[in-house]
Amino acid sequence: MKRLVLLFAALAFGSVAFAQTIGLSVSTLNNPFFVSLQEGAQAAADEAGAQLITVDAQDDVSKQLSDIEDLITQGVDVIVINPTDSAAVVTAVRNANSAGIPVITVDRDAEGGDVAYHIASDNVAGGSMAGEYLCELIGGEGMVVELEGIPGASATNDRGSGFNQYMAENCADAQIVARQTANFNRAEGLSVMENILQAQAQIDGLFAHNDEMALGALQAIEGSGRDIVVIGFDATPDAVQAVEECRMAATVAQQPDLMGQMSVEQALEIAAGAELPAETEYLPVDLQLVTGDCQ
């Protein structure tokens, strides 16, 4: 009987250890950036003794909506969403709202629904930062390629907006000769850039909305033997190494692990009863440009 009592007590204690449960829906874990984001979130949950349930949408809008519906059914306290598509995710956000579950978005925002906090870098500023450095490196003129991320993702919209606005206003003698999506994917970055290289006799610079596409494009460029300035975004380990080796010119550094950490910490405050803001509150994460000693 004593052993049974101890067993029940242990079980009860275990349930208390995970009194707060946070759901995390990630766009894809097939990308080092989002792996770092998830690891930062998990570390924060572990430190707080909370449970983190991570679901991987695999860059599939329908799967993400289904994943979030599962988190709602499980009755998590707060849902943190890294949207695959900022417009499509609105349905899931509103479903969570209807279930009384607060929502936080991270890295990419949602275009509707009630979101308590949005935790991200200033992607518009990052795109502008990339444009400024690219313009400097090509001497203010030349032919430029832009590889875009997943259509509809806020990171795609914002990074592209910042880059193109800077180029139009401050680098008018440069011409964007190709602008195509490679869906934030390295393999697509390679294949898309191979096609662009065949179509464009002169290319002086390339800005890719993330490092995975930049690295894929870099592979195509190196295979062609052409000399093209390449700038990425995210500062993944492979990209930073490429910058240090003078194969890439630069990458815009975010802090995905800190994004994940901040998301869970904010979610735990909400779960503990913190008052929600009346409108979405933006919590910024600092950016910086990572360059090498190659010039």
C-alpha atoms as a PDB file:
ATOM      1  CA  MET A   1       0.000   0.000   0.000  1.00  0.00           C
ATOM      2  CA  LYS A   2       2.829   2.369   0.872  1.00  0.00           C
ATOM      3  CA  ARG A   3       4.432   1.740  -2.539  1.00  0.00           C
ATOM      4  CA  LEU A   4       1.138   2.543  -4.277  1.00  0.00           C
ATOM      5  CA  VAL A   5       0.830   5.798  -2.377  1.00  0.00           C
ATOM      6  CA  LEU A   6       4.373   6.742  -3.357  1.00  0.00           C
ATOM      7  CA  LEU A   7       3.654   5.824  -6.983  1.00  0.00           C
ATOM      8  CA  PHE A   8       0.517   7.991  -7.075  1.00  0.00           C
ATOM      9  CA  ALA A   9       2.446  10.829  -5.464  1.00  0.00           C
ATOM     10  CA  ALA A  10       5.207  10.513  -8.060  1.00  0.00           C
ATOM     11  CA  LEU A  11       2.666  10.541 -10.873  1.00  0.00           C
ATOM     12  CA  ALA A  12       0.973  13.591  -9.384  1.00  0.00           C
ATOM     13  CA  PHE A  13       4.303  15.354  -9.039  1.00  0.00           C
ATOM     14  CA  GLY A  14       5.143  14.549 -12.671  1.00  0.00           C
ATOM     15  CA  SER A  15       1.903  16.136 -13.845  1.00  0.00           C
ATOM     16  CA  VAL A  16       2.638  19.271 -11.832  1.00  0.00           C
ATOM     17  CA  ALA A  17       6.136  19.501 -13.400  1.00  0.00           C
ATOM     18  CA  PHE A  18       4.477  20.147 -16.738  1.00  0.00           C
ATOM     19  CA  ALA A  19       1.652  22.345 -15.465  1.00  0.00           C
ATOM     20  CA  GLN A  20       2.330  24.733 -18.364  1.00  0.00           C
ATOM     21  CA  THR A  21       2.276  23.329 -21.871  1.00  0.00           C
ATOM     22  CA  ILE A  22       3.324  25.372 -24.884  1.00  0.00           C
ATOM     23  CA  GLY A  23       2.666  24.361 -28.469  1.00  0.00           C
ATOM     24  CA  LEU A  24       5.215  25.342 -31.124  1.00  0.00           C
ATOM     25  CA  SER A  25       4.326  25.082 -34.808  1.00  0.00           C
ATOM     26  CA  VAL A  26       7.445  25.485 -36.967  1.00  0.00           C
ATOM     27  CA  SER A  27       7.310  26.021 -40.729  1.00  0.00           C
ATOM     28  CA  THR A  28      10.081  23.479 -41.331  1.00  0.00           C
ATOM     29  CA  LEU A  29      12.810  21.699 -39.386  1.00  0.00           C
ATOM     30  CA  ASN A  30      14.620  20.984 -42.631  1.00  0.00           C
ATOM     31  CA  ASN A  31      16.406  24.309 -42.278  1.00  0.00           C
ATOM     32  CA  PRO A  32      19.211  25.081 -39.780  1.00  0.00           C
ATOM     33  CA  PHE A  33      17.662  28.442 -38.911  1.00  0.00           C
ATOM     34  CA  PHE A  34      14.436  26.914 -37.635  1.00  0.00           C
ATOM     35  CA  VAL A  35      16.290  24.060 -35.931  1.00  0.00           C
ATOM     36  CA  SER A  36      18.125  26.738 -33.912  1.00  0.00           C
ATOM     37  CA  LEU A  37      14.823  28.485 -33.190  1.00  0.00           C
ATOM     38  CA  GLN A  38      13.302  25.230 -31.904  1.00  0.00           C
ATOM     39  CA  GLU A  39      16.377  24.467 -29.807  1.00  0.00           C
ATOM     40  CA  GLY A  40      16.204  27.912 -28.183  1.00  0.00           C
ATOM     41  CA  ALA A  41      12.528  27.350 -27.423  1.00  0.00           C
ATOM     42  CA  GLN A  42      13.188  23.891 -25.987  1.00  0.00           C
ATOM     43  CA  ALA A  43      16.018  25.162 -23.772  1.00  0.00           C
ATOM     44  CA  ALA A  44      13.736  27.857 -22.331  1.00  0.00           C
ATOM     45  CA  ALA A  45      10.967  25.327 -21.687  1.00  0.00           C
ATOM     46  CA  ASP A  46      13.373  22.891 -20.026  1.00  0.00           C
ATOM     47  CA  GLU A  47      14.775  25.612 -17.784  1.00  0.00           C
ATOM     48  CA  ALA A  48      11.253  26.558 -16.675  1.00  0.00           C
ATOM     49  CA  GLY A  49      10.142  22.951 -16.167  1.00  0.00           C
ATOM     50  CA  ALA A  50       7.442  23.389 -18.795  1.00  0.00           C
ATOM     51  CA  GLN A  51       6.414  21.099 -21.620  1.00  0.00           C
ATOM     52  CA  LEU A  52       7.017  22.134 -25.214  1.00  0.00           C
ATOM     53  CA  ILE A  53       5.181  20.268 -27.963  1.00  0.00           C
ATOM     54  CA  THR A  54       6.833  20.963 -31.323  1.00  0.00           C
ATOM     55  CA  VAL A  55       5.149  20.161 -34.633  1.00  0.00           C
ATOM     56  CA  ASP A  56       6.876  20.468 -38.011  1.00  0.00           C
ATOM     57  CA  ALA A  57       4.748  21.746 -40.909  1.00  0.00           C
ATOM     58  CA  GLN A  58       7.408  20.740 -43.459  1.00  0.00           C
ATOM     59  CA  ASP A  59       6.631  23.918 -45.411  1.00  0.00           C
ATOM     60  CA  ASP A  60       3.133  22.590 -46.094  1.00  0.00           C
ATOM     61  CA  VAL A  61       0.288  25.036 -45.386  1.00  0.00           C
ATOM     62  CA  SER A  62      -2.350  22.303 -44.986  1.00  0.00           C
ATOM     63  CA  LYS A  63      -0.159  20.343 -42.574  1.00  0.00           C
ATOM     64  CA  GLN A  64       0.472  23.430 -40.485  1.00  0.00           C
ATOM     65  CA  LEU A  65      -3.248  24.127 -40.166  1.00  0.00           C
ATOM     66  CA  SER A  66      -3.818  20.494 -39.151  1.00  0.00           C
ATOM     67  CA  ASP A  67      -0.896  20.577 -36.684  1.00  0.00           C
ATOM     68  CA  ILE A  68      -2.262  23.684 -34.980  1.00  0.00           C
ATOM     69  CA  GLU A  69      -5.728  22.144 -34.796  1.00  0.00           C
ATOM     70  CA  ASP A  70      -4.136  19.171 -33.004  1.00  0.00           C
ATOM     71  CA  LEU A  71      -2.450  21.527 -30.518  1.00  0.00           C
ATOM     72  CA  ILE A  72      -5.805  23.210 -29.892  1.00  0.00           C
ATOM     73  CA  THR A  73      -7.434  19.811 -29.306  1.00  0.00           C
ATOM     74  CA  GLN A  74      -4.675  18.929 -26.822  1.00  0.00           C
ATOM     75  CA  GLY A  75      -5.555  22.063 -24.861  1.00  0.00           C
ATOM     76  CA  VAL A  76      -2.100  23.654 -24.724  1.00  0.00           C
ATOM     77  CA  ASP A  77      -1.857  26.889 -22.749  1.00  0.00           C
ATOM     78  CA  VAL A  78      -0.311  29.020 -25.506  1.00  0.00           C
ATOM     79  CA  ILE A  79       0.543  28.382 -29.162  1.00  0.00           C
ATOM     80  CA  VAL A  80       3.684  29.821 -30.744  1.00  0.00           C
ATOM     81  CA  ILE A  81       3.470  29.855 -34.536  1.00  0.00           C
ATOM     82  CA  ASN A  82       6.179  30.303 -37.137  1.00  0.00           C
ATOM     83  CA  PRO A  83       3.893  30.558 -40.179  1.00  0.00           C
ATOM     84  CA  THR A  84       4.556  28.844 -43.478  1.00  0.00           C
ATOM     85  CA  ASP A  85       2.198  31.349 -45.096  1.00  0.00           C
ATOM     86  CA  SER A  86       1.202  34.538 -43.276  1.00  0.00           C
ATOM     87  CA  ALA A  87      -2.224  34.744 -44.941  1.00  0.00           C
ATOM     88  CA  ALA A  88      -3.149  31.060 -44.822  1.00  0.00           C
ATOM     89  CA  VAL A  89      -2.306  30.743 -41.120  1.00  0.00           C
ATOM     90  CA  VAL A  90      -5.025  33.267 -40.174  1.00  0.00           C
ATOM     91  CA  THR A  91      -7.634  30.476 -40.049  1.00  0.00           C
ATOM     92  CA  ALA A  92      -5.568  28.592 -37.471  1.00  0.00           C
ATOM     93  CA  VAL A  93      -4.958  31.729 -35.413  1.00  0.00           C
ATOM     94  CA  ARG A  94      -8.687  32.449 -35.295  1.00  0.00           C
ATOM     95  CA  ASN A  95      -9.436  28.849 -34.324  1.00  0.00           C
ATOM     96  CA  ALA A  96      -7.027  29.203 -31.409  1.00  0.00           C
ATOM     97  CA  ASN A  97      -8.676  32.519 -30.498  1.00  0.00           C
ATOM     98  CA  SER A  98     -12.089  30.811 -30.459  1.00  0.00           C
ATOM     99  CA  ALA A  99     -10.714  28.110 -28.173  1.00  0.00           C
ATOM    100  CA  GLY A 100      -9.381  30.740 -25.773  1.00  0.00           C
ATOM    101  CA  ILE A 101      -5.734  29.874 -26.459  1.00  0.00           C
ATOM    102  CA  PRO A 102      -3.386  32.877 -26.787  1.00  0.00           C
ATOM    103  CA  VAL A 103      -1.141  33.017 -29.861  1.00  0.00           C
ATOM    104  CA  ILE A 104       2.398  34.288 -30.373  1.00  0.00           C
ATOM    105  CA  THR A 105       4.039  34.496 -33.799  1.00  0.00           C
ATOM    106  CA  VAL A 106       7.783  34.201 -34.305  1.00  0.00           C
ATOM    107  CA  ASP A 107      10.008  35.261 -37.224  1.00  0.00           C
ATOM    108  CA  ARG A 108       7.024  35.501 -39.608  1.00  0.00           C
ATOM    109  CA  ASP A 109       3.752  37.183 -38.719  1.00  0.00           C
ATOM    110  CA  ALA A 110       0.083  36.403 -39.358  1.00  0.00           C
ATOM    111  CA  GLU A 111      -2.060  38.710 -41.466  1.00  0.00           C
ATOM    112  CA  GLY A 112      -5.098  38.362 -39.230  1.00  0.00           C
ATOM    113  CA  GLY A 113      -6.521  36.941 -36.025  1.00  0.00           C
ATOM    114  CA  ASP A 114      -5.606  38.031 -32.497  1.00  0.00           C
ATOM    115  CA  VAL A 115      -1.867  37.652 -31.861  1.00  0.00           C
ATOM    116  CA  ALA A 116      -0.523  38.725 -28.472  1.00  0.00           C
ATOM    117  CA  TYR A 117       3.144  39.126 -29.416  1.00  0.00           C
ATOM    118  CA  HIS A 118       5.205  38.997 -32.596  1.00  0.00           C
ATOM    119  CA  ILE A 119       8.871  38.202 -31.998  1.00  0.00           C
ATOM    120  CA  ALA A 120      11.142  38.787 -34.965  1.00  0.00           C
ATOM    121  CA  SER A 121      13.988  40.703 -36.455  1.00  0.00           C
ATOM    122  CA  ASP A 122      13.161  43.779 -38.520  1.00  0.00           C
ATOM    123  CA  ASN A 123      13.209  42.005 -41.872  1.00  0.00           C
ATOM    124  CA  VAL A 124      12.621  45.226 -43.812  1.00  0.00           C
ATOM    125  CA  ALA A 125      15.709  46.763 -42.197  1.00  0.00           C
ATOM    126  CA  GLY A 126      17.649  43.574 -42.882  1.00  0.00           C
ATOM    127  CA  GLY A 127      16.729  43.656 -46.562  1.00  0.00           C
ATOM    128  CA  SER A 128      17.787  47.286 -46.733  1.00  0.00           C
ATOM    129  CA  MET A 129      21.057  46.423 -44.985  1.00  0.00           C
ATOM    130  CA  ALA A 130      21.751  43.757 -47.616  1.00  0.00           C
ATOM    131  CA  GLY A 131      20.903  46.165 -50.419  1.00  0.00           C
ATOM    132  CA  GLU A 132      23.225  48.840 -49.067  1.00  0.00           C
ATOM    133  CA  TYR A 133      26.188  46.479 -48.823  1.00  0.00           C
ATOM    134  CA  LEU A 134      25.524  44.899 -52.208  1.00  0.00           C
ATOM    135  CA  CYS A 135      25.301  48.329 -53.845  1.00  0.00           C
ATOM    136  CA  GLU A 136      28.613  49.304 -52.264  1.00  0.00           C
ATOM    137  CA  LEU A 137      30.363  46.132 -53.446  1.00  0.00           C
ATOM    138  CA  ILE A 138      29.209  46.450 -57.066  1.00  0.00           C
ATOM    139  CA  GLY A 139      30.125  50.130 -57.193  1.00  0.00           C
ATOM    140  CA  GLY A 140      26.554  51.356 -57.467  1.00  0.00           C
ATOM    141  CA  GLU A 141      25.886  49.815 -60.867  1.00  0.00           C
ATOM    142  CA  GLY A 142      25.497  46.480 -62.600  1.00  0.00           C
ATOM    143  CA  MET A 143      23.140  43.542 -63.001  1.00  0.00           C
ATOM    144  CA  VAL A 144      21.565  42.049 -59.881  1.00  0.00           C
ATOM    145  CA  VAL A 145      19.569  38.886 -59.162  1.00  0.00           C
ATOM    146  CA  GLU A 146      17.110  38.497 -56.279  1.00  0.00           C
ATOM    147  CA  LEU A 147      16.121  35.032 -55.035  1.00  0.00           C
ATOM    148  CA  GLU A 148      12.837  35.298 -53.135  1.00  0.00           C
ATOM    149  CA  GLY A 149      11.528  33.115 -50.319  1.00  0.00           C
ATOM    150  CA  ILE A 150       8.204  31.327 -50.041  1.00  0.00           C
ATOM    151  CA  PRO A 151       5.479  33.446 -51.661  1.00  0.00           C
ATOM    152  CA  GLY A 152       3.159  34.868 -49.026  1.00  0.00           C
ATOM    153  CA  ALA A 153       5.588  34.487 -46.104  1.00  0.00           C
ATOM    154  CA  SER A 154       6.047  37.763 -44.244  1.00  0.00           C
ATOM    155  CA  ALA A 155       9.832  37.296 -44.241  1.00  0.00           C
ATOM    156  CA  THR A 156       9.727  37.122 -48.039  1.00  0.00           C
ATOM    157  CA  ASN A 157       7.598  40.237 -48.304  1.00  0.00           C
ATOM    158  CA  ASP A 158       9.594  42.250 -45.778  1.00  0.00           C
ATOM    159  CA  ARG A 159      13.108  41.315 -46.869  1.00  0.00           C
ATOM    160  CA  GLY A 160      12.197  41.911 -50.487  1.00  0.00           C
ATOM    161  CA  SER A 161      10.554  45.227 -49.642  1.00  0.00           C
ATOM    162  CA  GLY A 162      13.576  46.530 -47.729  1.00  0.00           C
ATOM    163  CA  PHE A 163      16.012  45.388 -50.405  1.00  0.00           C
ATOM    164  CA  ASN A 164      14.083  46.735 -53.375  1.00  0.00           C
ATOM    165  CA  GLN A 165      13.293  50.053 -51.724  1.00  0.00           C
ATOM    166  CA  TYR A 166      16.961  50.640 -50.932  1.00  0.00           C
ATOM    167  CA  MET A 167      18.057  49.661 -54.443  1.00  0.00           C
ATOM    168  CA  ALA A 168      15.447  51.874 -56.114  1.00  0.00           C
ATOM    169  CA  GLU A 169      16.224  54.908 -53.972  1.00  0.00           C
ATOM    170  CA  ASN A 170      19.977  54.610 -53.531  1.00  0.00           C
ATOM    171  CA  CYS A 171      21.358  52.328 -56.219  1.00  0.00           C
ATOM    172  CA  ALA A 172      19.426  53.428 -59.294  1.00  0.00           C
ATOM    173  CA  ASP A 173      22.198  52.470 -61.733  1.00  0.00           C
ATOM    174  CA  ALA A 174      21.874  48.827 -60.705  1.00  0.00           C
ATOM    175  CA  GLN A 175      19.277  46.748 -62.537  1.00  0.00           C
ATOM    176  CA  ILE A 176      17.378  43.765 -61.132  1.00  0.00           C
ATOM    177  CA  VAL A 177      17.617  41.454 -64.157  1.00  0.00           C
ATOM    178  CA  ALA A 178      16.010  38.389 -62.520  1.00  0.00           C
ATOM    179  CA  ARG A 179      13.725  37.965 -59.545  1.00  0.00           C
ATOM    180  CA  GLN A 180      12.521  34.403 -58.851  1.00  0.00           C
ATOM    181  CA  THR A 181      11.410  32.340 -55.886  1.00  0.00           C
ATOM    182  CA  ALA A 182      13.462  29.424 -54.639  1.00  0.00           C
ATOM    183  CA  ASN A 183      11.177  28.861 -51.613  1.00  0.00           C
ATOM    184  CA  PHE A 184      13.916  29.307 -48.984  1.00  0.00           C
ATOM    185  CA  ASN A 185      15.351  25.966 -50.189  1.00  0.00           C
ATOM    186  CA  ARG A 186      18.997  25.223 -50.994  1.00  0.00           C
ATOM    187  CA  ALA A 187      18.313  22.688 -53.768  1.00  0.00           C
ATOM    188  CA  GLU A 188      15.892  25.106 -55.422  1.00  0.00           C
ATOM    189  CA  GLY A 189      18.415  27.908 -55.057  1.00  0.00           C
ATOM    190  CA  LEU A 190      20.881  25.783 -57.020  1.00  0.00           C
ATOM    191  CA  SER A 191      18.484  24.874 -59.835  1.00  0.00           C
ATOM    192  CA  VAL A 192      16.937  28.343 -60.150  1.00  0.00           C
ATOM    193  CA  MET A 193      20.351  30.004 -60.243  1.00  0.00           C
ATOM    194  CA  GLU A 194      21.620  27.544 -62.862  1.00  0.00           C
ATOM    195  CA  ASN A 195      18.768  28.625 -65.114  1.00  0.00           C
ATOM    196  CA  ILE A 196      19.377  32.322 -64.447  1.00  0.00           C
ATOM    197  CA  LEU A 197      23.079  31.953 -65.209  1.00  0.00           C
ATOM    198  CA  GLN A 198      22.215  30.450 -68.578  1.00  0.00           C
ATOM    199  CA  ALA A 199      19.761  33.247 -69.344  1.00  0.00           C
ATOM    200  CA  GLN A 200      21.844  36.201 -68.131  1.00  0.00           C
ATOM    201  CA  ALA A 201      25.216  36.908 -69.709  1.00  0.00           C
ATOM    202  CA  GLN A 202      26.123  39.473 -67.035  1.00  0.00           C
ATOM    203  CA  ILE A 203      25.377  39.226 -63.321  1.00  0.00           C
ATOM    204  CA  ASP A 204      27.312  41.298 -60.806  1.00  0.00           C
ATOM    205  CA  GLY A 205      25.455  40.657 -57.569  1.00  0.00           C
ATOM    206  CA  LEU A 206      22.913  38.384 -55.912  1.00  0.00           C
ATOM    207  CA  PHE A 207      20.721  38.860 -52.855  1.00  0.00           C
ATOM    208  CA  ALA A 208      18.923  35.778 -51.531  1.00  0.00           C
ATOM    209  CA  HIS A 209      16.200  36.086 -48.914  1.00  0.00           C
ATOM    210  CA  ASN A 210      17.860  33.355 -46.850  1.00  0.00           C
ATOM    211  CA  ASP A 211      21.189  31.564 -46.599  1.00  0.00           C
ATOM    212  CA  GLU A 212      19.909  28.223 -47.830  1.00  0.00           C
ATOM    213  CA  MET A 213      19.019  29.747 -51.214  1.00  0.00           C
ATOM    214  CA  ALA A 214      22.248  31.772 -51.212  1.00  0.00           C
ATOM    215  CA  LEU A 215      24.321  28.639 -50.649  1.00  0.00           C
ATOM    216  CA  GLY A 216      22.506  26.767 -53.390  1.00  0.00           C
ATOM    217  CA  ALA A 217      23.025  29.704 -55.757  1.00  0.00           C
ATOM    218  CA  LEU A 218      26.672  29.896 -54.709  1.00  0.00           C
ATOM    219  CA  GLN A 219      27.145  26.276 -55.754  1.00  0.00           C
ATOM    220  CA  ALA A 220      25.750  27.100 -59.196  1.00  0.00           C
ATOM    221  CA  ILE A 221      27.927  30.215 -59.475  1.00  0.00           C
ATOM    222  CA  GLU A 222      31.098  28.384 -58.477  1.00  0.00           C
ATOM    223  CA  GLY A 223      30.253  25.660 -60.984  1.00  0.00           C
ATOM    224  CA  SER A 224      29.972  28.295 -63.716  1.00  0.00           C
ATOM    225  CA  GLY A 225      33.308  29.887 -62.849  1.00  0.00           C
ATOM    226  CA  ARG A 226      31.744  33.357 -62.747  1.00  0.00           C
ATOM    227  CA  ASP A 227      32.566  36.043 -60.169  1.00  0.00           C
ATOM    228  CA  ILE A 228      29.354  37.268 -58.524  1.00  0.00           C
ATOM    229  CA  VAL A 229      28.853  39.028 -55.182  1.00  0.00           C
ATOM    230  CA  VAL A 230      26.515  36.893 -53.024  1.00  0.00           C
ATOM    231  CA  ILE A 231      24.664  38.125 -49.927  1.00  0.00           C
ATOM    232  CA  GLY A 232      22.356  35.931 -47.857  1.00  0.00           C
ATOM    233  CA  PHE A 233      20.210  36.296 -44.774  1.00  0.00           C
ATOM    234  CA  ASP A 234      20.110  34.388 -41.435  1.00  0.00           C
ATOM    235  CA  ALA A 235      23.825  33.796 -40.668  1.00  0.00           C
ATOM    236  CA  THR A 236      23.509  30.026 -40.536  1.00  0.00           C
ATOM    237  CA  PRO A 237      26.783  28.216 -39.715  1.00  0.00           C
ATOM    238  CA  ASP A 238      27.335  27.142 -43.350  1.00  0.00           C
ATOM    239  CA  ALA A 239      26.804  30.700 -44.581  1.00  0.00           C
ATOM    240  CA  VAL A 240      29.100  32.251 -41.964  1.00  0.00           C
ATOM    241  CA  GLN A 241      31.769  29.731 -42.949  1.00  0.00           C
ATOM    242  CA  ALA A 242      31.302  30.680 -46.622  1.00  0.00           C
ATOM    243  CA  VAL A 243      31.733  34.351 -45.682  1.00  0.00           C
ATOM    244  CA  GLU A 244      34.882  33.577 -43.688  1.00  0.00           C
ATOM    245  CA  GLU A 245      36.234  31.654 -46.687  1.00  0.00           C
ATOM    246  CA  CYS A 246      35.475  34.674 -48.937  1.00  0.00           C
ATOM    247  CA  ARG A 247      33.066  32.636 -51.059  1.00  0.00           C
ATOM    248  CA  MET A 248      30.074  34.739 -49.937  1.00  0.00           C
ATOM    249  CA  ALA A 249      30.301  38.476 -49.379  1.00  0.00           C
ATOM    250  CA  ALA A 250      27.963  38.722 -46.395  1.00  0.00           C
ATOM    251  CA  THR A 251      24.928  37.430 -44.562  1.00  0.00           C
ATOM    252  CA  VAL A 252      22.460  39.307 -42.373  1.00  0.00           C
ATOM    253  CA  ALA A 253      22.620  37.799 -38.896  1.00  0.00           C
ATOM    254  CA  GLN A 254      19.502  37.037 -36.938  1.00  0.00           C
ATOM    255  CA  GLN A 255      19.413  35.192 -33.617  1.00  0.00           C
ATOM    256  CA  PRO A 256      16.958  32.320 -34.111  1.00  0.00           C
ATOM    257  CA  ASP A 257      17.833  30.649 -30.810  1.00  0.00           C
ATOM    258  CA  LEU A 258      17.022  33.908 -28.998  1.00  0.00           C
ATOM    259  CA  MET A 259      13.753  34.202 -30.936  1.00  0.00           C
ATOM    260  CA  GLY A 260      12.748  30.734 -29.774  1.00  0.00           C
ATOM    261  CA  GLN A 261      13.810  31.482 -26.209  1.00  0.00           C
ATOM    262  CA  MET A 262      11.909  34.783 -26.084  1.00  0.00           C
ATOM    263  CA  SER A 263       8.804  33.173 -27.578  1.00  0.00           C
ATOM    264  CA  VAL A 264       8.618  30.501 -24.904  1.00  0.00           C
ATOM    265  CA  GLU A 265       9.460  32.908 -22.081  1.00  0.00           C
ATOM    266  CA  GLN A 266       6.663  35.217 -23.230  1.00  0.00           C
ATOM    267  CA  ALA A 267       4.294  32.260 -23.612  1.00  0.00           C
ATOM    268  CA  LEU A 268       5.050  31.114 -20.055  1.00  0.00           C
ATOM    269  CA  GLU A 269       4.291  34.586 -18.709  1.00  0.00           C
ATOM    270  CA  ILE A 270       0.924  34.458 -20.473  1.00  0.00           C
ATOM    271  CA  ALA A 271       0.250  30.955 -19.166  1.00  0.00           C
ATOM    272  CA  ALA A 272       1.034  32.181 -15.659  1.00  0.00           C
ATOM    273  CA  GLY A 273      -1.695  34.817 -15.959  1.00  0.00           C
ATOM    274  CA  ALA A 274       0.038  37.888 -17.406  1.00  0.00           C
ATOM    275  CA  GLU A 275      -2.371  40.367 -18.986  1.00  0.00           C
ATOM    276  CA  LEU A 276      -2.476  40.234 -22.770  1.00  0.00           C
ATOM    277  CA  PRO A 277      -1.770  43.419 -24.756  1.00  0.00           C
ATOM    278  CA  ALA A 278      -4.778  45.039 -26.425  1.00  0.00           C
ATOM    279  CA  GLU A 279      -3.034  44.814 -29.811  1.00  0.00           C
ATOM    280  CA  THR A 280      -0.147  42.752 -31.114  1.00  0.00           C
ATOM    281  CA  GLU A 281       3.074  43.863 -29.434  1.00  0.00           C
ATOM    282  CA  TYR A 282       6.222  43.590 -31.522  1.00  0.00           C
ATOM    283  CA  LEU A 283       9.324  42.403 -29.660  1.00  0.00           C
ATOM    284  CA  PRO A 284      12.380  43.011 -31.870  1.00  0.00           C
ATOM    285  CA  VAL A 285      15.541  40.909 -32.046  1.00  0.00           C
ATOM    286  CA  ASP A 286      18.698  42.723 -33.141  1.00  0.00           C
ATOM    287  CA  LEU A 287      20.299  42.268 -36.588  1.00  0.00           C
ATOM    288  CA  GLN A 288      23.850  42.744 -37.803  1.00  0.00           C
ATOM    289  CA  LEU A 289      25.733  42.279 -41.058  1.00  0.00           C
ATOM    290  CA  VAL A 290      28.338  39.517 -41.042  1.00  0.00           C
ATOM    291  CA  THR A 291      31.194  40.260 -43.452  1.00  0.00           C
ATOM    292  CA  GLY A 292      34.642  38.815 -43.993  1.00  0.00           C
ATOM    293  CA  ASP A 293      38.123  40.256 -44.484  1.00  0.00           C
ATOM    294  CA  CYS A 294      38.044  39.722 -48.217  1.00  0.00           C
ATOM    295  CA  GLN A 295      37.792  43.168 -49.802  1.00  0.00           C
END
